[in-house]
N, C-alpha and C. Protein backbone atom coordinates (compact mmCIF):
# COMPACT_ATOMS: atom_id res chain seq x y z
N MET A 1 39.60 -101.98 105.68
CA MET A 1 38.89 -101.90 106.96
C MET A 1 38.83 -103.28 107.61
N LEU A 2 38.70 -103.32 108.91
CA LEU A 2 38.58 -104.58 109.63
C LEU A 2 37.13 -105.05 109.61
N GLN A 3 36.94 -106.31 109.27
CA GLN A 3 35.59 -106.86 109.21
C GLN A 3 35.12 -107.26 110.61
N LEU A 4 33.93 -106.79 111.00
CA LEU A 4 33.34 -107.19 112.27
C LEU A 4 32.34 -108.32 112.02
N PHE A 5 32.08 -109.10 113.07
CA PHE A 5 31.21 -110.27 112.95
C PHE A 5 30.10 -110.19 113.98
N ALA A 6 28.88 -110.50 113.56
CA ALA A 6 27.75 -110.50 114.48
C ALA A 6 27.82 -111.72 115.39
N HIS A 7 27.46 -111.51 116.67
CA HIS A 7 27.41 -112.66 117.56
C HIS A 7 26.33 -113.62 117.07
N PRO A 8 26.64 -114.92 116.98
CA PRO A 8 25.67 -115.87 116.39
C PRO A 8 24.37 -115.99 117.16
N ALA A 9 24.35 -115.62 118.43
CA ALA A 9 23.11 -115.71 119.21
C ALA A 9 22.16 -114.56 118.91
N HIS A 10 22.66 -113.53 118.20
CA HIS A 10 21.83 -112.36 117.92
C HIS A 10 22.06 -111.92 116.46
N PRO A 11 21.54 -112.68 115.50
CA PRO A 11 21.76 -112.33 114.09
C PRO A 11 21.00 -111.07 113.71
N PRO A 12 21.52 -110.32 112.73
CA PRO A 12 20.83 -109.13 112.26
C PRO A 12 19.64 -109.50 111.38
N ALA A 13 18.80 -108.51 111.10
CA ALA A 13 17.66 -108.72 110.20
C ALA A 13 18.09 -108.45 108.75
N ARG A 14 18.50 -107.21 108.47
CA ARG A 14 18.88 -106.86 107.11
C ARG A 14 20.30 -106.34 106.98
N VAL A 15 20.96 -106.07 108.09
CA VAL A 15 22.35 -105.64 108.03
C VAL A 15 23.20 -106.75 107.44
N ARG A 16 23.97 -106.43 106.40
CA ARG A 16 24.76 -107.45 105.71
C ARG A 16 26.20 -107.52 106.18
N ALA A 17 26.76 -106.37 106.53
CA ALA A 17 28.18 -106.34 106.90
C ALA A 17 28.47 -105.09 107.71
N VAL A 18 29.47 -105.19 108.58
CA VAL A 18 29.96 -104.06 109.36
C VAL A 18 31.48 -104.10 109.31
N ALA A 19 32.08 -102.96 109.01
CA ALA A 19 33.54 -102.85 108.99
C ALA A 19 33.94 -101.60 109.75
N ALA A 20 35.20 -101.58 110.22
CA ALA A 20 35.67 -100.45 111.02
C ALA A 20 37.17 -100.33 110.89
N ARG A 21 37.67 -99.12 111.15
CA ARG A 21 39.12 -98.93 111.15
C ARG A 21 39.49 -97.62 111.82
N VAL A 22 40.76 -97.54 112.20
CA VAL A 22 41.35 -96.28 112.63
C VAL A 22 41.86 -95.59 111.37
N LEU A 23 41.29 -94.42 111.04
CA LEU A 23 41.69 -93.72 109.82
C LEU A 23 43.02 -93.00 109.99
N SER A 24 43.20 -92.33 111.12
CA SER A 24 44.43 -91.58 111.34
C SER A 24 44.64 -91.37 112.84
N PHE A 25 45.90 -91.08 113.19
CA PHE A 25 46.26 -90.86 114.59
C PHE A 25 47.44 -89.90 114.59
N ASP A 26 47.23 -88.69 115.14
CA ASP A 26 48.34 -87.74 115.23
C ASP A 26 48.36 -87.11 116.62
N ALA A 27 49.10 -86.05 116.78
CA ALA A 27 49.27 -85.44 118.10
C ALA A 27 47.99 -84.83 118.63
N ASN A 28 47.02 -84.57 117.76
CA ASN A 28 45.81 -83.88 118.18
C ASN A 28 44.56 -84.75 118.17
N TRP A 29 44.43 -85.60 117.16
CA TRP A 29 43.18 -86.35 116.97
C TRP A 29 43.43 -87.78 116.55
N CYS A 30 42.57 -88.66 117.01
CA CYS A 30 42.45 -90.03 116.48
C CYS A 30 41.09 -90.11 115.80
N VAL A 31 41.10 -90.52 114.53
CA VAL A 31 39.86 -90.56 113.76
C VAL A 31 39.50 -92.01 113.45
N LEU A 32 38.28 -92.39 113.81
CA LEU A 32 37.77 -93.74 113.60
C LEU A 32 36.63 -93.72 112.60
N ARG A 33 36.41 -94.86 111.94
CA ARG A 33 35.27 -94.97 111.02
C ARG A 33 34.62 -96.35 111.15
N TRP A 34 33.30 -96.35 111.21
CA TRP A 34 32.50 -97.56 111.09
C TRP A 34 31.65 -97.47 109.82
N LYS A 35 31.48 -98.59 109.14
CA LYS A 35 30.64 -98.65 107.95
C LYS A 35 29.65 -99.80 108.10
N VAL A 36 28.36 -99.50 107.93
CA VAL A 36 27.30 -100.51 108.04
C VAL A 36 26.64 -100.66 106.68
N ASP A 37 26.70 -101.85 106.10
CA ASP A 37 26.00 -102.16 104.85
C ASP A 37 24.69 -102.87 105.16
N GLY A 38 23.62 -102.46 104.49
CA GLY A 38 22.32 -103.04 104.76
C GLY A 38 21.62 -102.30 105.90
N ALA A 39 21.73 -100.97 105.88
CA ALA A 39 21.26 -100.15 107.00
C ALA A 39 19.85 -99.60 106.79
N ALA A 40 19.10 -100.15 105.83
CA ALA A 40 17.78 -99.58 105.52
C ALA A 40 16.84 -99.58 106.71
N ASP A 41 16.90 -100.62 107.55
CA ASP A 41 15.99 -100.73 108.70
C ASP A 41 16.67 -100.38 110.02
N LEU A 42 17.85 -99.77 109.94
CA LEU A 42 18.60 -99.46 111.14
C LEU A 42 17.94 -98.30 111.91
N MET A 43 17.79 -98.48 113.21
CA MET A 43 17.25 -97.43 114.07
C MET A 43 18.41 -96.52 114.49
N VAL A 44 18.39 -95.28 113.99
CA VAL A 44 19.47 -94.34 114.27
C VAL A 44 18.95 -93.27 115.22
N PRO A 45 19.53 -93.16 116.42
CA PRO A 45 19.06 -92.14 117.36
C PRO A 45 19.14 -90.74 116.75
N PRO A 46 18.13 -89.90 116.96
CA PRO A 46 18.15 -88.55 116.39
C PRO A 46 19.17 -87.66 117.07
N PHE A 47 19.55 -86.60 116.40
CA PHE A 47 20.52 -85.65 116.93
C PHE A 47 20.09 -85.14 118.31
N ALA A 48 21.04 -85.17 119.26
CA ALA A 48 20.75 -84.71 120.61
C ALA A 48 21.81 -83.76 121.15
N GLY A 49 22.87 -83.53 120.37
CA GLY A 49 23.93 -82.64 120.81
C GLY A 49 25.00 -83.38 121.60
N ARG A 50 26.20 -82.80 121.63
CA ARG A 50 27.33 -83.43 122.30
C ARG A 50 27.19 -83.34 123.81
N ALA A 51 27.15 -84.48 124.46
CA ALA A 51 27.09 -84.53 125.92
C ALA A 51 27.42 -85.94 126.37
N ARG A 52 28.07 -86.06 127.53
CA ARG A 52 28.35 -87.37 128.11
C ARG A 52 27.04 -87.98 128.60
N THR A 53 26.77 -89.24 128.20
CA THR A 53 25.50 -89.89 128.52
C THR A 53 25.73 -91.37 128.74
N ASP A 54 25.15 -91.93 129.80
CA ASP A 54 25.24 -93.36 130.06
C ASP A 54 24.16 -94.11 129.28
N GLY A 55 24.34 -95.42 129.13
CA GLY A 55 23.31 -96.28 128.55
C GLY A 55 23.16 -96.19 127.06
N LEU A 56 24.13 -95.64 126.35
CA LEU A 56 24.01 -95.50 124.89
C LEU A 56 23.93 -96.84 124.19
N TRP A 57 24.50 -97.88 124.80
CA TRP A 57 24.54 -99.22 124.20
C TRP A 57 23.16 -99.87 124.11
N GLN A 58 22.14 -99.26 124.68
CA GLN A 58 20.80 -99.86 124.64
C GLN A 58 20.15 -99.76 123.26
N THR A 59 20.71 -98.97 122.37
CA THR A 59 20.27 -98.92 120.99
C THR A 59 21.51 -98.75 120.12
N THR A 60 21.34 -98.40 118.86
CA THR A 60 22.47 -98.31 117.94
C THR A 60 23.59 -97.43 118.50
N CYS A 61 24.78 -98.01 118.59
CA CYS A 61 25.91 -97.34 119.25
C CYS A 61 27.20 -97.98 118.73
N PHE A 62 28.23 -97.17 118.57
CA PHE A 62 29.54 -97.65 118.15
C PHE A 62 30.51 -97.49 119.31
N GLU A 63 31.39 -98.49 119.48
CA GLU A 63 32.20 -98.52 120.69
C GLU A 63 33.67 -98.83 120.37
N LEU A 64 34.55 -98.32 121.22
CA LEU A 64 35.98 -98.58 121.14
C LEU A 64 36.45 -99.05 122.50
N PHE A 65 37.14 -100.18 122.53
CA PHE A 65 37.77 -100.71 123.75
C PHE A 65 39.28 -100.71 123.54
N VAL A 66 40.01 -100.18 124.51
CA VAL A 66 41.46 -100.02 124.36
C VAL A 66 42.18 -100.50 125.61
N ALA A 67 43.23 -101.29 125.42
CA ALA A 67 44.16 -101.64 126.49
C ALA A 67 45.56 -101.44 125.95
N GLN A 68 46.48 -101.05 126.80
CA GLN A 68 47.86 -100.94 126.36
C GLN A 68 48.38 -102.32 126.01
N HIS A 69 49.07 -102.40 124.88
CA HIS A 69 49.53 -103.69 124.35
C HIS A 69 50.96 -103.93 124.80
N VAL A 70 51.15 -105.00 125.56
CA VAL A 70 52.49 -105.39 126.02
C VAL A 70 52.98 -106.49 125.10
N GLN A 71 53.91 -106.15 124.21
CA GLN A 71 54.43 -107.12 123.23
C GLN A 71 55.45 -108.02 123.90
N THR A 72 55.25 -109.32 123.76
CA THR A 72 56.20 -110.31 124.28
C THR A 72 56.63 -111.22 123.14
N PRO A 73 57.72 -111.98 123.31
CA PRO A 73 58.15 -112.88 122.24
C PRO A 73 57.08 -113.88 121.83
N GLN A 74 56.13 -114.18 122.77
CA GLN A 74 55.12 -115.19 122.47
C GLN A 74 53.84 -114.57 121.92
N SER A 75 53.70 -113.24 121.98
CA SER A 75 52.43 -112.62 121.60
C SER A 75 52.28 -112.57 120.10
N THR A 76 51.03 -112.63 119.65
CA THR A 76 50.71 -112.65 118.24
C THR A 76 49.68 -111.58 117.94
N SER A 77 49.90 -110.78 116.88
CA SER A 77 48.94 -109.78 116.47
C SER A 77 47.87 -110.43 115.63
N VAL A 78 46.63 -110.38 116.07
CA VAL A 78 45.54 -110.97 115.31
C VAL A 78 45.20 -110.09 114.13
N HIS A 79 45.02 -108.79 114.36
CA HIS A 79 44.72 -107.82 113.32
C HIS A 79 45.62 -106.61 113.47
N PRO A 80 46.90 -106.66 113.02
CA PRO A 80 47.73 -105.48 113.10
C PRO A 80 47.20 -104.42 112.16
N GLU A 81 47.09 -103.18 112.62
CA GLU A 81 46.47 -102.12 111.85
C GLU A 81 47.53 -101.13 111.39
N LEU A 82 47.53 -100.81 110.08
CA LEU A 82 48.42 -99.80 109.53
C LEU A 82 47.63 -98.50 109.45
N VAL A 83 48.08 -97.48 110.18
CA VAL A 83 47.34 -96.23 110.32
C VAL A 83 48.24 -95.06 109.99
N GLU A 84 47.70 -94.06 109.31
CA GLU A 84 48.46 -92.86 109.03
C GLU A 84 48.98 -92.26 110.33
N GLY A 85 50.31 -92.06 110.40
CA GLY A 85 50.91 -91.48 111.59
C GLY A 85 51.43 -92.49 112.58
N CYS A 86 51.22 -93.79 112.32
CA CYS A 86 51.68 -94.83 113.24
C CYS A 86 52.55 -95.84 112.50
N ALA A 87 53.44 -96.46 113.24
CA ALA A 87 54.31 -97.47 112.66
C ALA A 87 53.54 -98.75 112.37
N PRO A 88 53.86 -99.45 111.24
CA PRO A 88 53.25 -100.76 111.03
C PRO A 88 53.82 -101.77 112.01
N THR A 89 53.01 -102.74 112.40
CA THR A 89 53.49 -103.79 113.27
C THR A 89 54.23 -104.83 112.44
N PRO A 90 55.11 -105.63 113.07
CA PRO A 90 55.86 -106.63 112.30
C PRO A 90 54.97 -107.61 111.56
N ALA A 91 53.78 -107.87 112.08
CA ALA A 91 52.90 -108.86 111.44
C ALA A 91 51.93 -108.21 110.46
N GLN A 92 52.16 -106.93 110.07
CA GLN A 92 51.20 -106.23 109.21
C GLN A 92 50.87 -107.00 107.95
N SER A 93 51.89 -107.56 107.31
CA SER A 93 51.65 -108.24 106.04
C SER A 93 50.92 -109.55 106.21
N ALA A 94 50.81 -110.04 107.44
CA ALA A 94 50.17 -111.33 107.68
C ALA A 94 48.77 -111.21 108.23
N ALA A 95 48.19 -109.99 108.24
CA ALA A 95 46.86 -109.80 108.81
C ALA A 95 45.83 -110.60 108.04
N THR A 96 44.94 -111.28 108.78
CA THR A 96 43.92 -112.11 108.15
C THR A 96 42.61 -111.96 108.88
N VAL A 97 41.54 -112.38 108.23
CA VAL A 97 40.25 -112.44 108.90
C VAL A 97 40.31 -113.55 109.94
N PRO A 98 39.82 -113.32 111.15
CA PRO A 98 39.97 -114.34 112.20
C PRO A 98 39.18 -115.59 111.90
N ASP A 99 39.80 -116.76 112.18
CA ASP A 99 39.07 -118.01 112.05
C ASP A 99 38.51 -118.38 113.42
N PRO A 100 37.70 -119.41 113.51
CA PRO A 100 37.06 -119.71 114.80
C PRO A 100 38.03 -120.00 115.94
N THR A 101 39.31 -120.30 115.62
CA THR A 101 40.26 -120.59 116.69
C THR A 101 40.72 -119.35 117.42
N VAL A 102 40.56 -118.17 116.80
CA VAL A 102 41.06 -116.94 117.41
C VAL A 102 40.45 -116.71 118.77
N ALA A 103 39.12 -116.79 118.85
CA ALA A 103 38.44 -116.54 120.12
C ALA A 103 38.86 -117.56 121.17
N ARG A 104 39.06 -118.81 120.76
CA ARG A 104 39.45 -119.83 121.73
C ARG A 104 40.83 -119.54 122.29
N VAL A 105 41.77 -119.10 121.41
CA VAL A 105 43.12 -118.80 121.87
C VAL A 105 43.10 -117.64 122.84
N LEU A 106 42.36 -116.58 122.51
CA LEU A 106 42.32 -115.42 123.39
C LEU A 106 41.58 -115.74 124.69
N ARG A 107 40.53 -116.55 124.62
CA ARG A 107 39.82 -116.96 125.82
C ARG A 107 40.76 -117.74 126.74
N GLN A 108 41.59 -118.61 126.16
CA GLN A 108 42.52 -119.38 126.98
C GLN A 108 43.51 -118.45 127.69
N ALA A 109 44.00 -117.44 126.96
CA ALA A 109 44.92 -116.49 127.58
C ALA A 109 44.26 -115.76 128.73
N GLN A 110 42.99 -115.37 128.56
CA GLN A 110 42.26 -114.69 129.63
C GLN A 110 42.11 -115.59 130.84
N ASP A 111 41.72 -116.83 130.61
CA ASP A 111 41.50 -117.75 131.72
C ASP A 111 42.77 -118.02 132.49
N GLU A 112 43.92 -118.11 131.77
CA GLU A 112 45.16 -118.46 132.42
C GLU A 112 45.80 -117.30 133.17
N ARG A 113 45.65 -116.06 132.63
CA ARG A 113 46.38 -114.95 133.20
C ARG A 113 45.48 -113.83 133.72
N GLY A 114 44.23 -113.77 133.27
CA GLY A 114 43.34 -112.70 133.71
C GLY A 114 43.57 -111.43 132.93
N TRP A 115 42.60 -110.49 133.02
CA TRP A 115 42.67 -109.25 132.24
C TRP A 115 43.93 -108.45 132.54
N GLY A 116 44.14 -108.13 133.84
CA GLY A 116 45.23 -107.22 134.17
C GLY A 116 46.59 -107.77 133.82
N GLU A 117 46.88 -108.99 134.23
CA GLU A 117 48.21 -109.55 133.99
C GLU A 117 48.45 -109.77 132.51
N ALA A 118 47.40 -110.22 131.78
CA ALA A 118 47.57 -110.47 130.35
C ALA A 118 47.85 -109.19 129.59
N ARG A 119 47.44 -108.04 130.15
CA ARG A 119 47.65 -106.77 129.45
C ARG A 119 48.62 -105.87 130.23
N GLY A 120 49.50 -106.48 131.01
CA GLY A 120 50.50 -105.70 131.71
C GLY A 120 49.96 -104.97 132.92
N GLY A 121 48.79 -105.37 133.44
CA GLY A 121 48.25 -104.78 134.63
C GLY A 121 47.70 -103.38 134.45
N THR A 122 47.35 -103.00 133.22
CA THR A 122 46.96 -101.62 132.94
C THR A 122 45.46 -101.41 132.87
N GLY A 123 44.64 -102.45 132.99
CA GLY A 123 43.21 -102.28 132.82
C GLY A 123 42.87 -101.94 131.38
N TYR A 124 41.71 -101.29 131.19
CA TYR A 124 41.30 -100.94 129.83
C TYR A 124 40.30 -99.80 129.88
N THR A 125 40.04 -99.23 128.71
CA THR A 125 39.16 -98.08 128.56
C THR A 125 38.08 -98.38 127.54
N GLU A 126 36.86 -97.91 127.83
CA GLU A 126 35.72 -98.08 126.93
C GLU A 126 35.19 -96.71 126.52
N PHE A 127 34.95 -96.55 125.21
CA PHE A 127 34.31 -95.35 124.67
C PHE A 127 33.03 -95.76 123.95
N ASN A 128 31.95 -95.03 124.16
CA ASN A 128 30.68 -95.25 123.46
C ASN A 128 30.35 -94.01 122.63
N PHE A 129 29.92 -94.22 121.37
CA PHE A 129 29.61 -93.11 120.48
C PHE A 129 28.25 -93.37 119.82
N SER A 130 27.31 -92.46 120.06
CA SER A 130 25.99 -92.57 119.46
C SER A 130 25.90 -91.67 118.22
N PRO A 131 25.17 -92.10 117.18
CA PRO A 131 24.93 -91.20 116.05
C PRO A 131 24.20 -89.91 116.46
N SER A 132 23.61 -89.90 117.66
CA SER A 132 22.96 -88.69 118.18
C SER A 132 23.98 -87.63 118.61
N GLU A 133 25.27 -87.99 118.62
CA GLU A 133 26.41 -87.19 119.07
C GLU A 133 26.61 -87.27 120.59
N ARG A 134 25.79 -88.05 121.28
CA ARG A 134 26.06 -88.33 122.69
C ARG A 134 27.23 -89.32 122.78
N TRP A 135 27.95 -89.31 123.90
CA TRP A 135 29.12 -90.16 124.05
C TRP A 135 29.34 -90.50 125.52
N ALA A 136 30.21 -91.49 125.75
CA ALA A 136 30.58 -91.87 127.11
C ALA A 136 32.01 -92.42 127.08
N ALA A 137 32.68 -92.35 128.22
CA ALA A 137 34.04 -92.88 128.34
C ALA A 137 34.26 -93.38 129.76
N TYR A 138 34.78 -94.61 129.87
CA TYR A 138 34.96 -95.24 131.18
C TYR A 138 36.32 -95.92 131.25
N ASP A 139 36.90 -95.94 132.44
CA ASP A 139 38.10 -96.72 132.72
C ASP A 139 37.73 -97.90 133.62
N PHE A 140 38.39 -99.04 133.39
CA PHE A 140 38.22 -100.24 134.21
C PHE A 140 39.59 -100.71 134.68
N THR A 141 39.67 -101.16 135.92
CA THR A 141 40.94 -101.66 136.45
C THR A 141 41.18 -103.12 136.06
N SER A 142 40.10 -103.86 135.83
CA SER A 142 40.16 -105.24 135.36
C SER A 142 38.79 -105.56 134.76
N TYR A 143 38.58 -106.83 134.40
CA TYR A 143 37.37 -107.20 133.68
C TYR A 143 36.09 -106.73 134.41
N ARG A 144 35.41 -105.73 133.83
CA ARG A 144 34.16 -105.17 134.34
C ARG A 144 34.26 -104.70 135.80
N ALA A 145 35.45 -104.37 136.23
CA ALA A 145 35.65 -103.98 137.64
C ALA A 145 36.31 -102.60 137.73
N GLY A 146 36.03 -101.89 138.80
CA GLY A 146 36.67 -100.61 139.05
C GLY A 146 36.30 -99.53 138.06
N MET A 147 35.04 -99.52 137.60
CA MET A 147 34.64 -98.56 136.58
C MET A 147 34.59 -97.14 137.12
N THR A 148 35.23 -96.21 136.39
CA THR A 148 35.15 -94.79 136.68
C THR A 148 35.00 -94.03 135.37
N GLU A 149 34.43 -92.83 135.43
CA GLU A 149 34.34 -92.01 134.23
C GLU A 149 35.75 -91.55 133.84
N ARG A 150 36.06 -91.68 132.56
CA ARG A 150 37.38 -91.23 132.08
C ARG A 150 37.32 -89.73 131.77
N PRO A 151 38.28 -88.96 132.29
CA PRO A 151 38.30 -87.53 131.97
C PRO A 151 38.51 -87.31 130.47
N MET A 152 37.82 -86.31 129.93
CA MET A 152 37.94 -85.95 128.52
C MET A 152 38.19 -84.45 128.41
N PRO A 153 39.25 -84.03 127.71
CA PRO A 153 39.52 -82.60 127.59
C PRO A 153 38.47 -81.86 126.78
N ARG A 154 37.82 -82.58 125.87
CA ARG A 154 36.71 -82.03 125.10
C ARG A 154 35.91 -83.18 124.51
N SER A 155 34.72 -82.88 124.04
CA SER A 155 33.86 -83.94 123.52
C SER A 155 34.39 -84.48 122.20
N PRO A 156 34.20 -85.78 121.94
CA PRO A 156 34.50 -86.31 120.61
C PRO A 156 33.58 -85.66 119.57
N VAL A 157 34.04 -85.65 118.34
CA VAL A 157 33.24 -85.13 117.22
C VAL A 157 32.69 -86.34 116.47
N ILE A 158 31.38 -86.53 116.52
CA ILE A 158 30.73 -87.71 115.93
C ILE A 158 29.95 -87.26 114.70
N THR A 159 30.26 -87.89 113.55
CA THR A 159 29.65 -87.47 112.28
C THR A 159 29.04 -88.68 111.58
N PRO A 160 27.73 -88.91 111.74
CA PRO A 160 27.07 -89.99 111.00
C PRO A 160 26.65 -89.49 109.61
N ARG A 161 26.75 -90.38 108.63
CA ARG A 161 26.32 -90.06 107.26
C ARG A 161 25.58 -91.27 106.72
N ARG A 162 24.37 -91.04 106.28
CA ARG A 162 23.54 -92.13 105.79
C ARG A 162 23.16 -91.86 104.34
N GLY A 163 23.38 -92.85 103.51
CA GLY A 163 23.03 -92.73 102.11
C GLY A 163 22.50 -94.04 101.59
N GLY A 164 21.21 -94.08 101.27
CA GLY A 164 20.61 -95.31 100.77
C GLY A 164 20.70 -96.41 101.81
N ASP A 165 21.43 -97.45 101.47
CA ASP A 165 21.50 -98.65 102.31
C ASP A 165 22.76 -98.70 103.16
N VAL A 166 23.50 -97.60 103.23
CA VAL A 166 24.80 -97.59 103.92
C VAL A 166 24.83 -96.47 104.96
N LEU A 167 25.39 -96.79 106.12
CA LEU A 167 25.62 -95.80 107.16
C LEU A 167 27.11 -95.75 107.48
N PHE A 168 27.68 -94.56 107.44
CA PHE A 168 29.03 -94.32 107.94
C PHE A 168 28.92 -93.55 109.24
N CYS A 169 29.81 -93.87 110.17
CA CYS A 169 29.91 -93.07 111.39
C CYS A 169 31.38 -92.80 111.64
N ASP A 170 31.80 -91.54 111.51
CA ASP A 170 33.17 -91.13 111.78
C ASP A 170 33.23 -90.47 113.14
N VAL A 171 34.29 -90.76 113.89
CA VAL A 171 34.46 -90.21 115.23
C VAL A 171 35.89 -89.69 115.36
N ALA A 172 36.02 -88.43 115.75
CA ALA A 172 37.33 -87.84 116.04
C ALA A 172 37.45 -87.67 117.55
N ILE A 173 38.44 -88.34 118.14
CA ILE A 173 38.67 -88.30 119.58
C ILE A 173 39.94 -87.50 119.85
N PRO A 174 39.91 -86.56 120.80
CA PRO A 174 41.15 -85.87 121.16
C PRO A 174 42.21 -86.86 121.61
N THR A 175 43.39 -86.80 121.01
CA THR A 175 44.45 -87.75 121.35
C THR A 175 44.79 -87.70 122.83
N ALA A 176 44.67 -86.53 123.44
CA ALA A 176 44.98 -86.40 124.87
C ALA A 176 44.04 -87.21 125.75
N ALA A 177 42.89 -87.61 125.20
CA ALA A 177 41.92 -88.38 125.98
C ALA A 177 42.19 -89.88 125.92
N LEU A 178 43.14 -90.30 125.09
CA LEU A 178 43.34 -91.72 124.82
C LEU A 178 44.53 -92.30 125.60
N PRO A 179 44.48 -93.60 125.90
CA PRO A 179 45.66 -94.25 126.48
C PRO A 179 46.82 -94.17 125.50
N PRO A 180 48.05 -94.17 125.99
CA PRO A 180 49.20 -94.10 125.09
C PRO A 180 49.36 -95.38 124.26
N LEU A 181 49.91 -95.22 123.06
CA LEU A 181 50.24 -96.36 122.22
C LEU A 181 51.46 -97.08 122.81
N PRO A 182 51.64 -98.38 122.48
CA PRO A 182 50.85 -99.22 121.58
C PRO A 182 49.57 -99.74 122.22
N TRP A 183 48.60 -100.07 121.36
CA TRP A 183 47.29 -100.54 121.81
C TRP A 183 47.05 -101.98 121.43
N ARG A 184 46.24 -102.62 122.23
CA ARG A 184 45.42 -103.75 121.79
C ARG A 184 44.00 -103.24 121.92
N TYR A 185 43.21 -103.33 120.85
CA TYR A 185 41.92 -102.66 120.87
C TYR A 185 40.87 -103.43 120.08
N GLY A 186 39.63 -103.03 120.32
CA GLY A 186 38.52 -103.59 119.57
C GLY A 186 37.55 -102.48 119.21
N MET A 187 37.10 -102.45 117.96
CA MET A 187 36.03 -101.57 117.51
C MET A 187 34.78 -102.43 117.37
N THR A 188 33.71 -102.04 118.04
CA THR A 188 32.51 -102.87 118.10
C THR A 188 31.28 -102.04 117.75
N ALA A 189 30.14 -102.70 117.65
CA ALA A 189 28.90 -101.99 117.34
C ALA A 189 27.71 -102.75 117.89
N VAL A 190 26.78 -102.00 118.46
CA VAL A 190 25.44 -102.51 118.77
C VAL A 190 24.50 -101.90 117.74
N LEU A 191 23.81 -102.73 116.99
CA LEU A 191 22.92 -102.23 115.95
C LEU A 191 21.49 -102.68 116.23
N GLU A 192 20.58 -101.71 116.31
CA GLU A 192 19.17 -102.02 116.50
C GLU A 192 18.42 -101.73 115.21
N GLU A 193 17.66 -102.72 114.75
CA GLU A 193 16.86 -102.57 113.55
C GLU A 193 15.37 -102.55 113.90
N THR A 194 14.56 -102.21 112.92
CA THR A 194 13.12 -102.17 113.12
C THR A 194 12.63 -103.49 113.71
N GLY A 195 11.71 -103.40 114.67
CA GLY A 195 11.21 -104.60 115.33
C GLY A 195 12.03 -105.01 116.53
N GLU A 196 12.86 -104.10 117.04
CA GLU A 196 13.70 -104.35 118.22
C GLU A 196 14.68 -105.50 118.01
N VAL A 197 15.12 -105.67 116.78
CA VAL A 197 16.15 -106.66 116.47
C VAL A 197 17.51 -106.03 116.76
N LYS A 198 18.27 -106.63 117.67
CA LYS A 198 19.60 -106.12 118.01
C LYS A 198 20.66 -107.15 117.66
N SER A 199 21.72 -106.65 117.05
CA SER A 199 22.89 -107.50 116.76
C SER A 199 24.12 -106.85 117.35
N PHE A 200 25.11 -107.68 117.68
CA PHE A 200 26.30 -107.23 118.40
C PHE A 200 27.53 -107.64 117.60
N TRP A 201 28.32 -106.67 117.17
CA TRP A 201 29.38 -106.88 116.20
C TRP A 201 30.75 -106.61 116.81
N ALA A 202 31.69 -107.52 116.56
CA ALA A 202 33.06 -107.38 117.07
C ALA A 202 34.00 -108.14 116.16
N LEU A 203 35.30 -107.94 116.34
CA LEU A 203 36.30 -108.68 115.56
C LEU A 203 36.27 -110.16 115.88
N ALA A 204 35.92 -110.50 117.11
CA ALA A 204 35.85 -111.90 117.53
C ALA A 204 34.94 -111.99 118.75
N HIS A 205 34.33 -113.13 118.94
CA HIS A 205 33.48 -113.39 120.11
C HIS A 205 33.97 -114.68 120.77
N ALA A 206 33.90 -114.73 122.11
CA ALA A 206 34.41 -115.90 122.82
C ALA A 206 33.36 -116.68 123.58
N GLY A 207 32.24 -116.06 123.92
CA GLY A 207 31.27 -116.72 124.78
C GLY A 207 29.93 -116.94 124.11
N ASP A 208 29.02 -117.54 124.86
CA ASP A 208 27.68 -117.82 124.35
C ASP A 208 26.81 -116.57 124.27
N ARG A 209 27.22 -115.52 125.00
CA ARG A 209 26.50 -114.26 124.98
C ARG A 209 27.45 -113.14 124.54
N PRO A 210 26.93 -112.09 123.90
CA PRO A 210 27.80 -110.97 123.51
C PRO A 210 28.45 -110.34 124.73
N ASP A 211 29.74 -110.05 124.65
CA ASP A 211 30.45 -109.42 125.75
C ASP A 211 31.65 -108.69 125.18
N PHE A 212 31.48 -107.40 124.90
CA PHE A 212 32.56 -106.62 124.32
C PHE A 212 33.72 -106.40 125.29
N HIS A 213 33.50 -106.64 126.59
CA HIS A 213 34.56 -106.49 127.58
C HIS A 213 35.51 -107.68 127.57
N ASP A 214 35.12 -108.76 126.94
CA ASP A 214 35.98 -109.94 126.88
C ASP A 214 37.24 -109.61 126.08
N PRO A 215 38.43 -110.00 126.55
CA PRO A 215 39.66 -109.72 125.81
C PRO A 215 39.64 -110.24 124.37
N ALA A 216 38.82 -111.25 124.08
CA ALA A 216 38.74 -111.76 122.71
C ALA A 216 38.32 -110.68 121.73
N CYS A 217 37.54 -109.70 122.21
CA CYS A 217 37.07 -108.64 121.32
C CYS A 217 38.15 -107.62 121.00
N LEU A 218 39.21 -107.57 121.82
CA LEU A 218 40.32 -106.65 121.55
C LEU A 218 41.33 -107.35 120.67
N ALA A 219 40.94 -107.60 119.43
CA ALA A 219 41.71 -108.47 118.54
C ALA A 219 42.51 -107.71 117.51
N ALA A 220 42.69 -106.40 117.68
CA ALA A 220 43.53 -105.62 116.77
C ALA A 220 44.64 -104.96 117.58
N THR A 221 45.75 -104.64 116.90
CA THR A 221 46.85 -103.96 117.55
C THR A 221 47.21 -102.71 116.77
N LEU A 222 47.69 -101.70 117.49
CA LEU A 222 48.13 -100.45 116.87
C LEU A 222 49.45 -100.06 117.50
N ALA A 223 50.48 -99.93 116.67
CA ALA A 223 51.82 -99.68 117.17
C ALA A 223 52.03 -98.19 117.45
N ALA A 224 53.07 -97.90 118.20
CA ALA A 224 53.44 -96.51 118.48
C ALA A 224 53.99 -95.87 117.21
N PRO A 225 53.97 -94.53 117.13
CA PRO A 225 54.49 -93.84 115.95
C PRO A 225 55.97 -94.17 115.71
N ASN A 226 56.37 -94.05 114.45
CA ASN A 226 57.78 -94.20 114.11
C ASN A 226 58.60 -93.12 114.81
N ALA A 227 59.76 -93.52 115.29
CA ALA A 227 60.66 -92.51 115.88
C ALA A 227 61.19 -91.59 114.78
N VAL A 228 61.31 -90.29 115.09
CA VAL A 228 61.78 -89.31 114.10
C VAL A 228 63.26 -89.05 114.34
């Protein structure tokens, strides 16, 4: 699984670690998983049924940000992901935990080229998943601009499981609702603990404040399926 990191300006209380990954991707479903260690004091929204809802990020919520990945001779995969049903990226064997330079490199790319041009002019998509089974999906034309609700053929299936000090949250998204591969993406989390302690988790952070829309947070890549 990919290790997520809490933004240093908002440390957790008892949460020790957060990891996430794409479990599988086929013609019908993309299945994601988040794992939270140290979840004893985690505030988990109660079951509310499947429905599109805004503002889920105000408490414990798991998120996916996706942009189409335009591979160039100069581009580097920070976290290439090997997923059932998808081709491994050339840099799969070299995947590492990001060092502090990762965010600086991605921030520089953003500053020099901007969101749209750096990602082939395709904008990006945001998905929010609450353990309550509420969800949201938005499209953006560029950094925090041009937001519209993304059409969904059916609701995602959100399955939280809590045991002792660990919380798992699995999400199955209809493949038809997703941008086409290849991806540059980020799996993130907002975690609220007892006492209104909130921490913000991502593969990398670039600024003084948490900002999952920053391209630095889209630090993983997912290749298109192998040709048959």
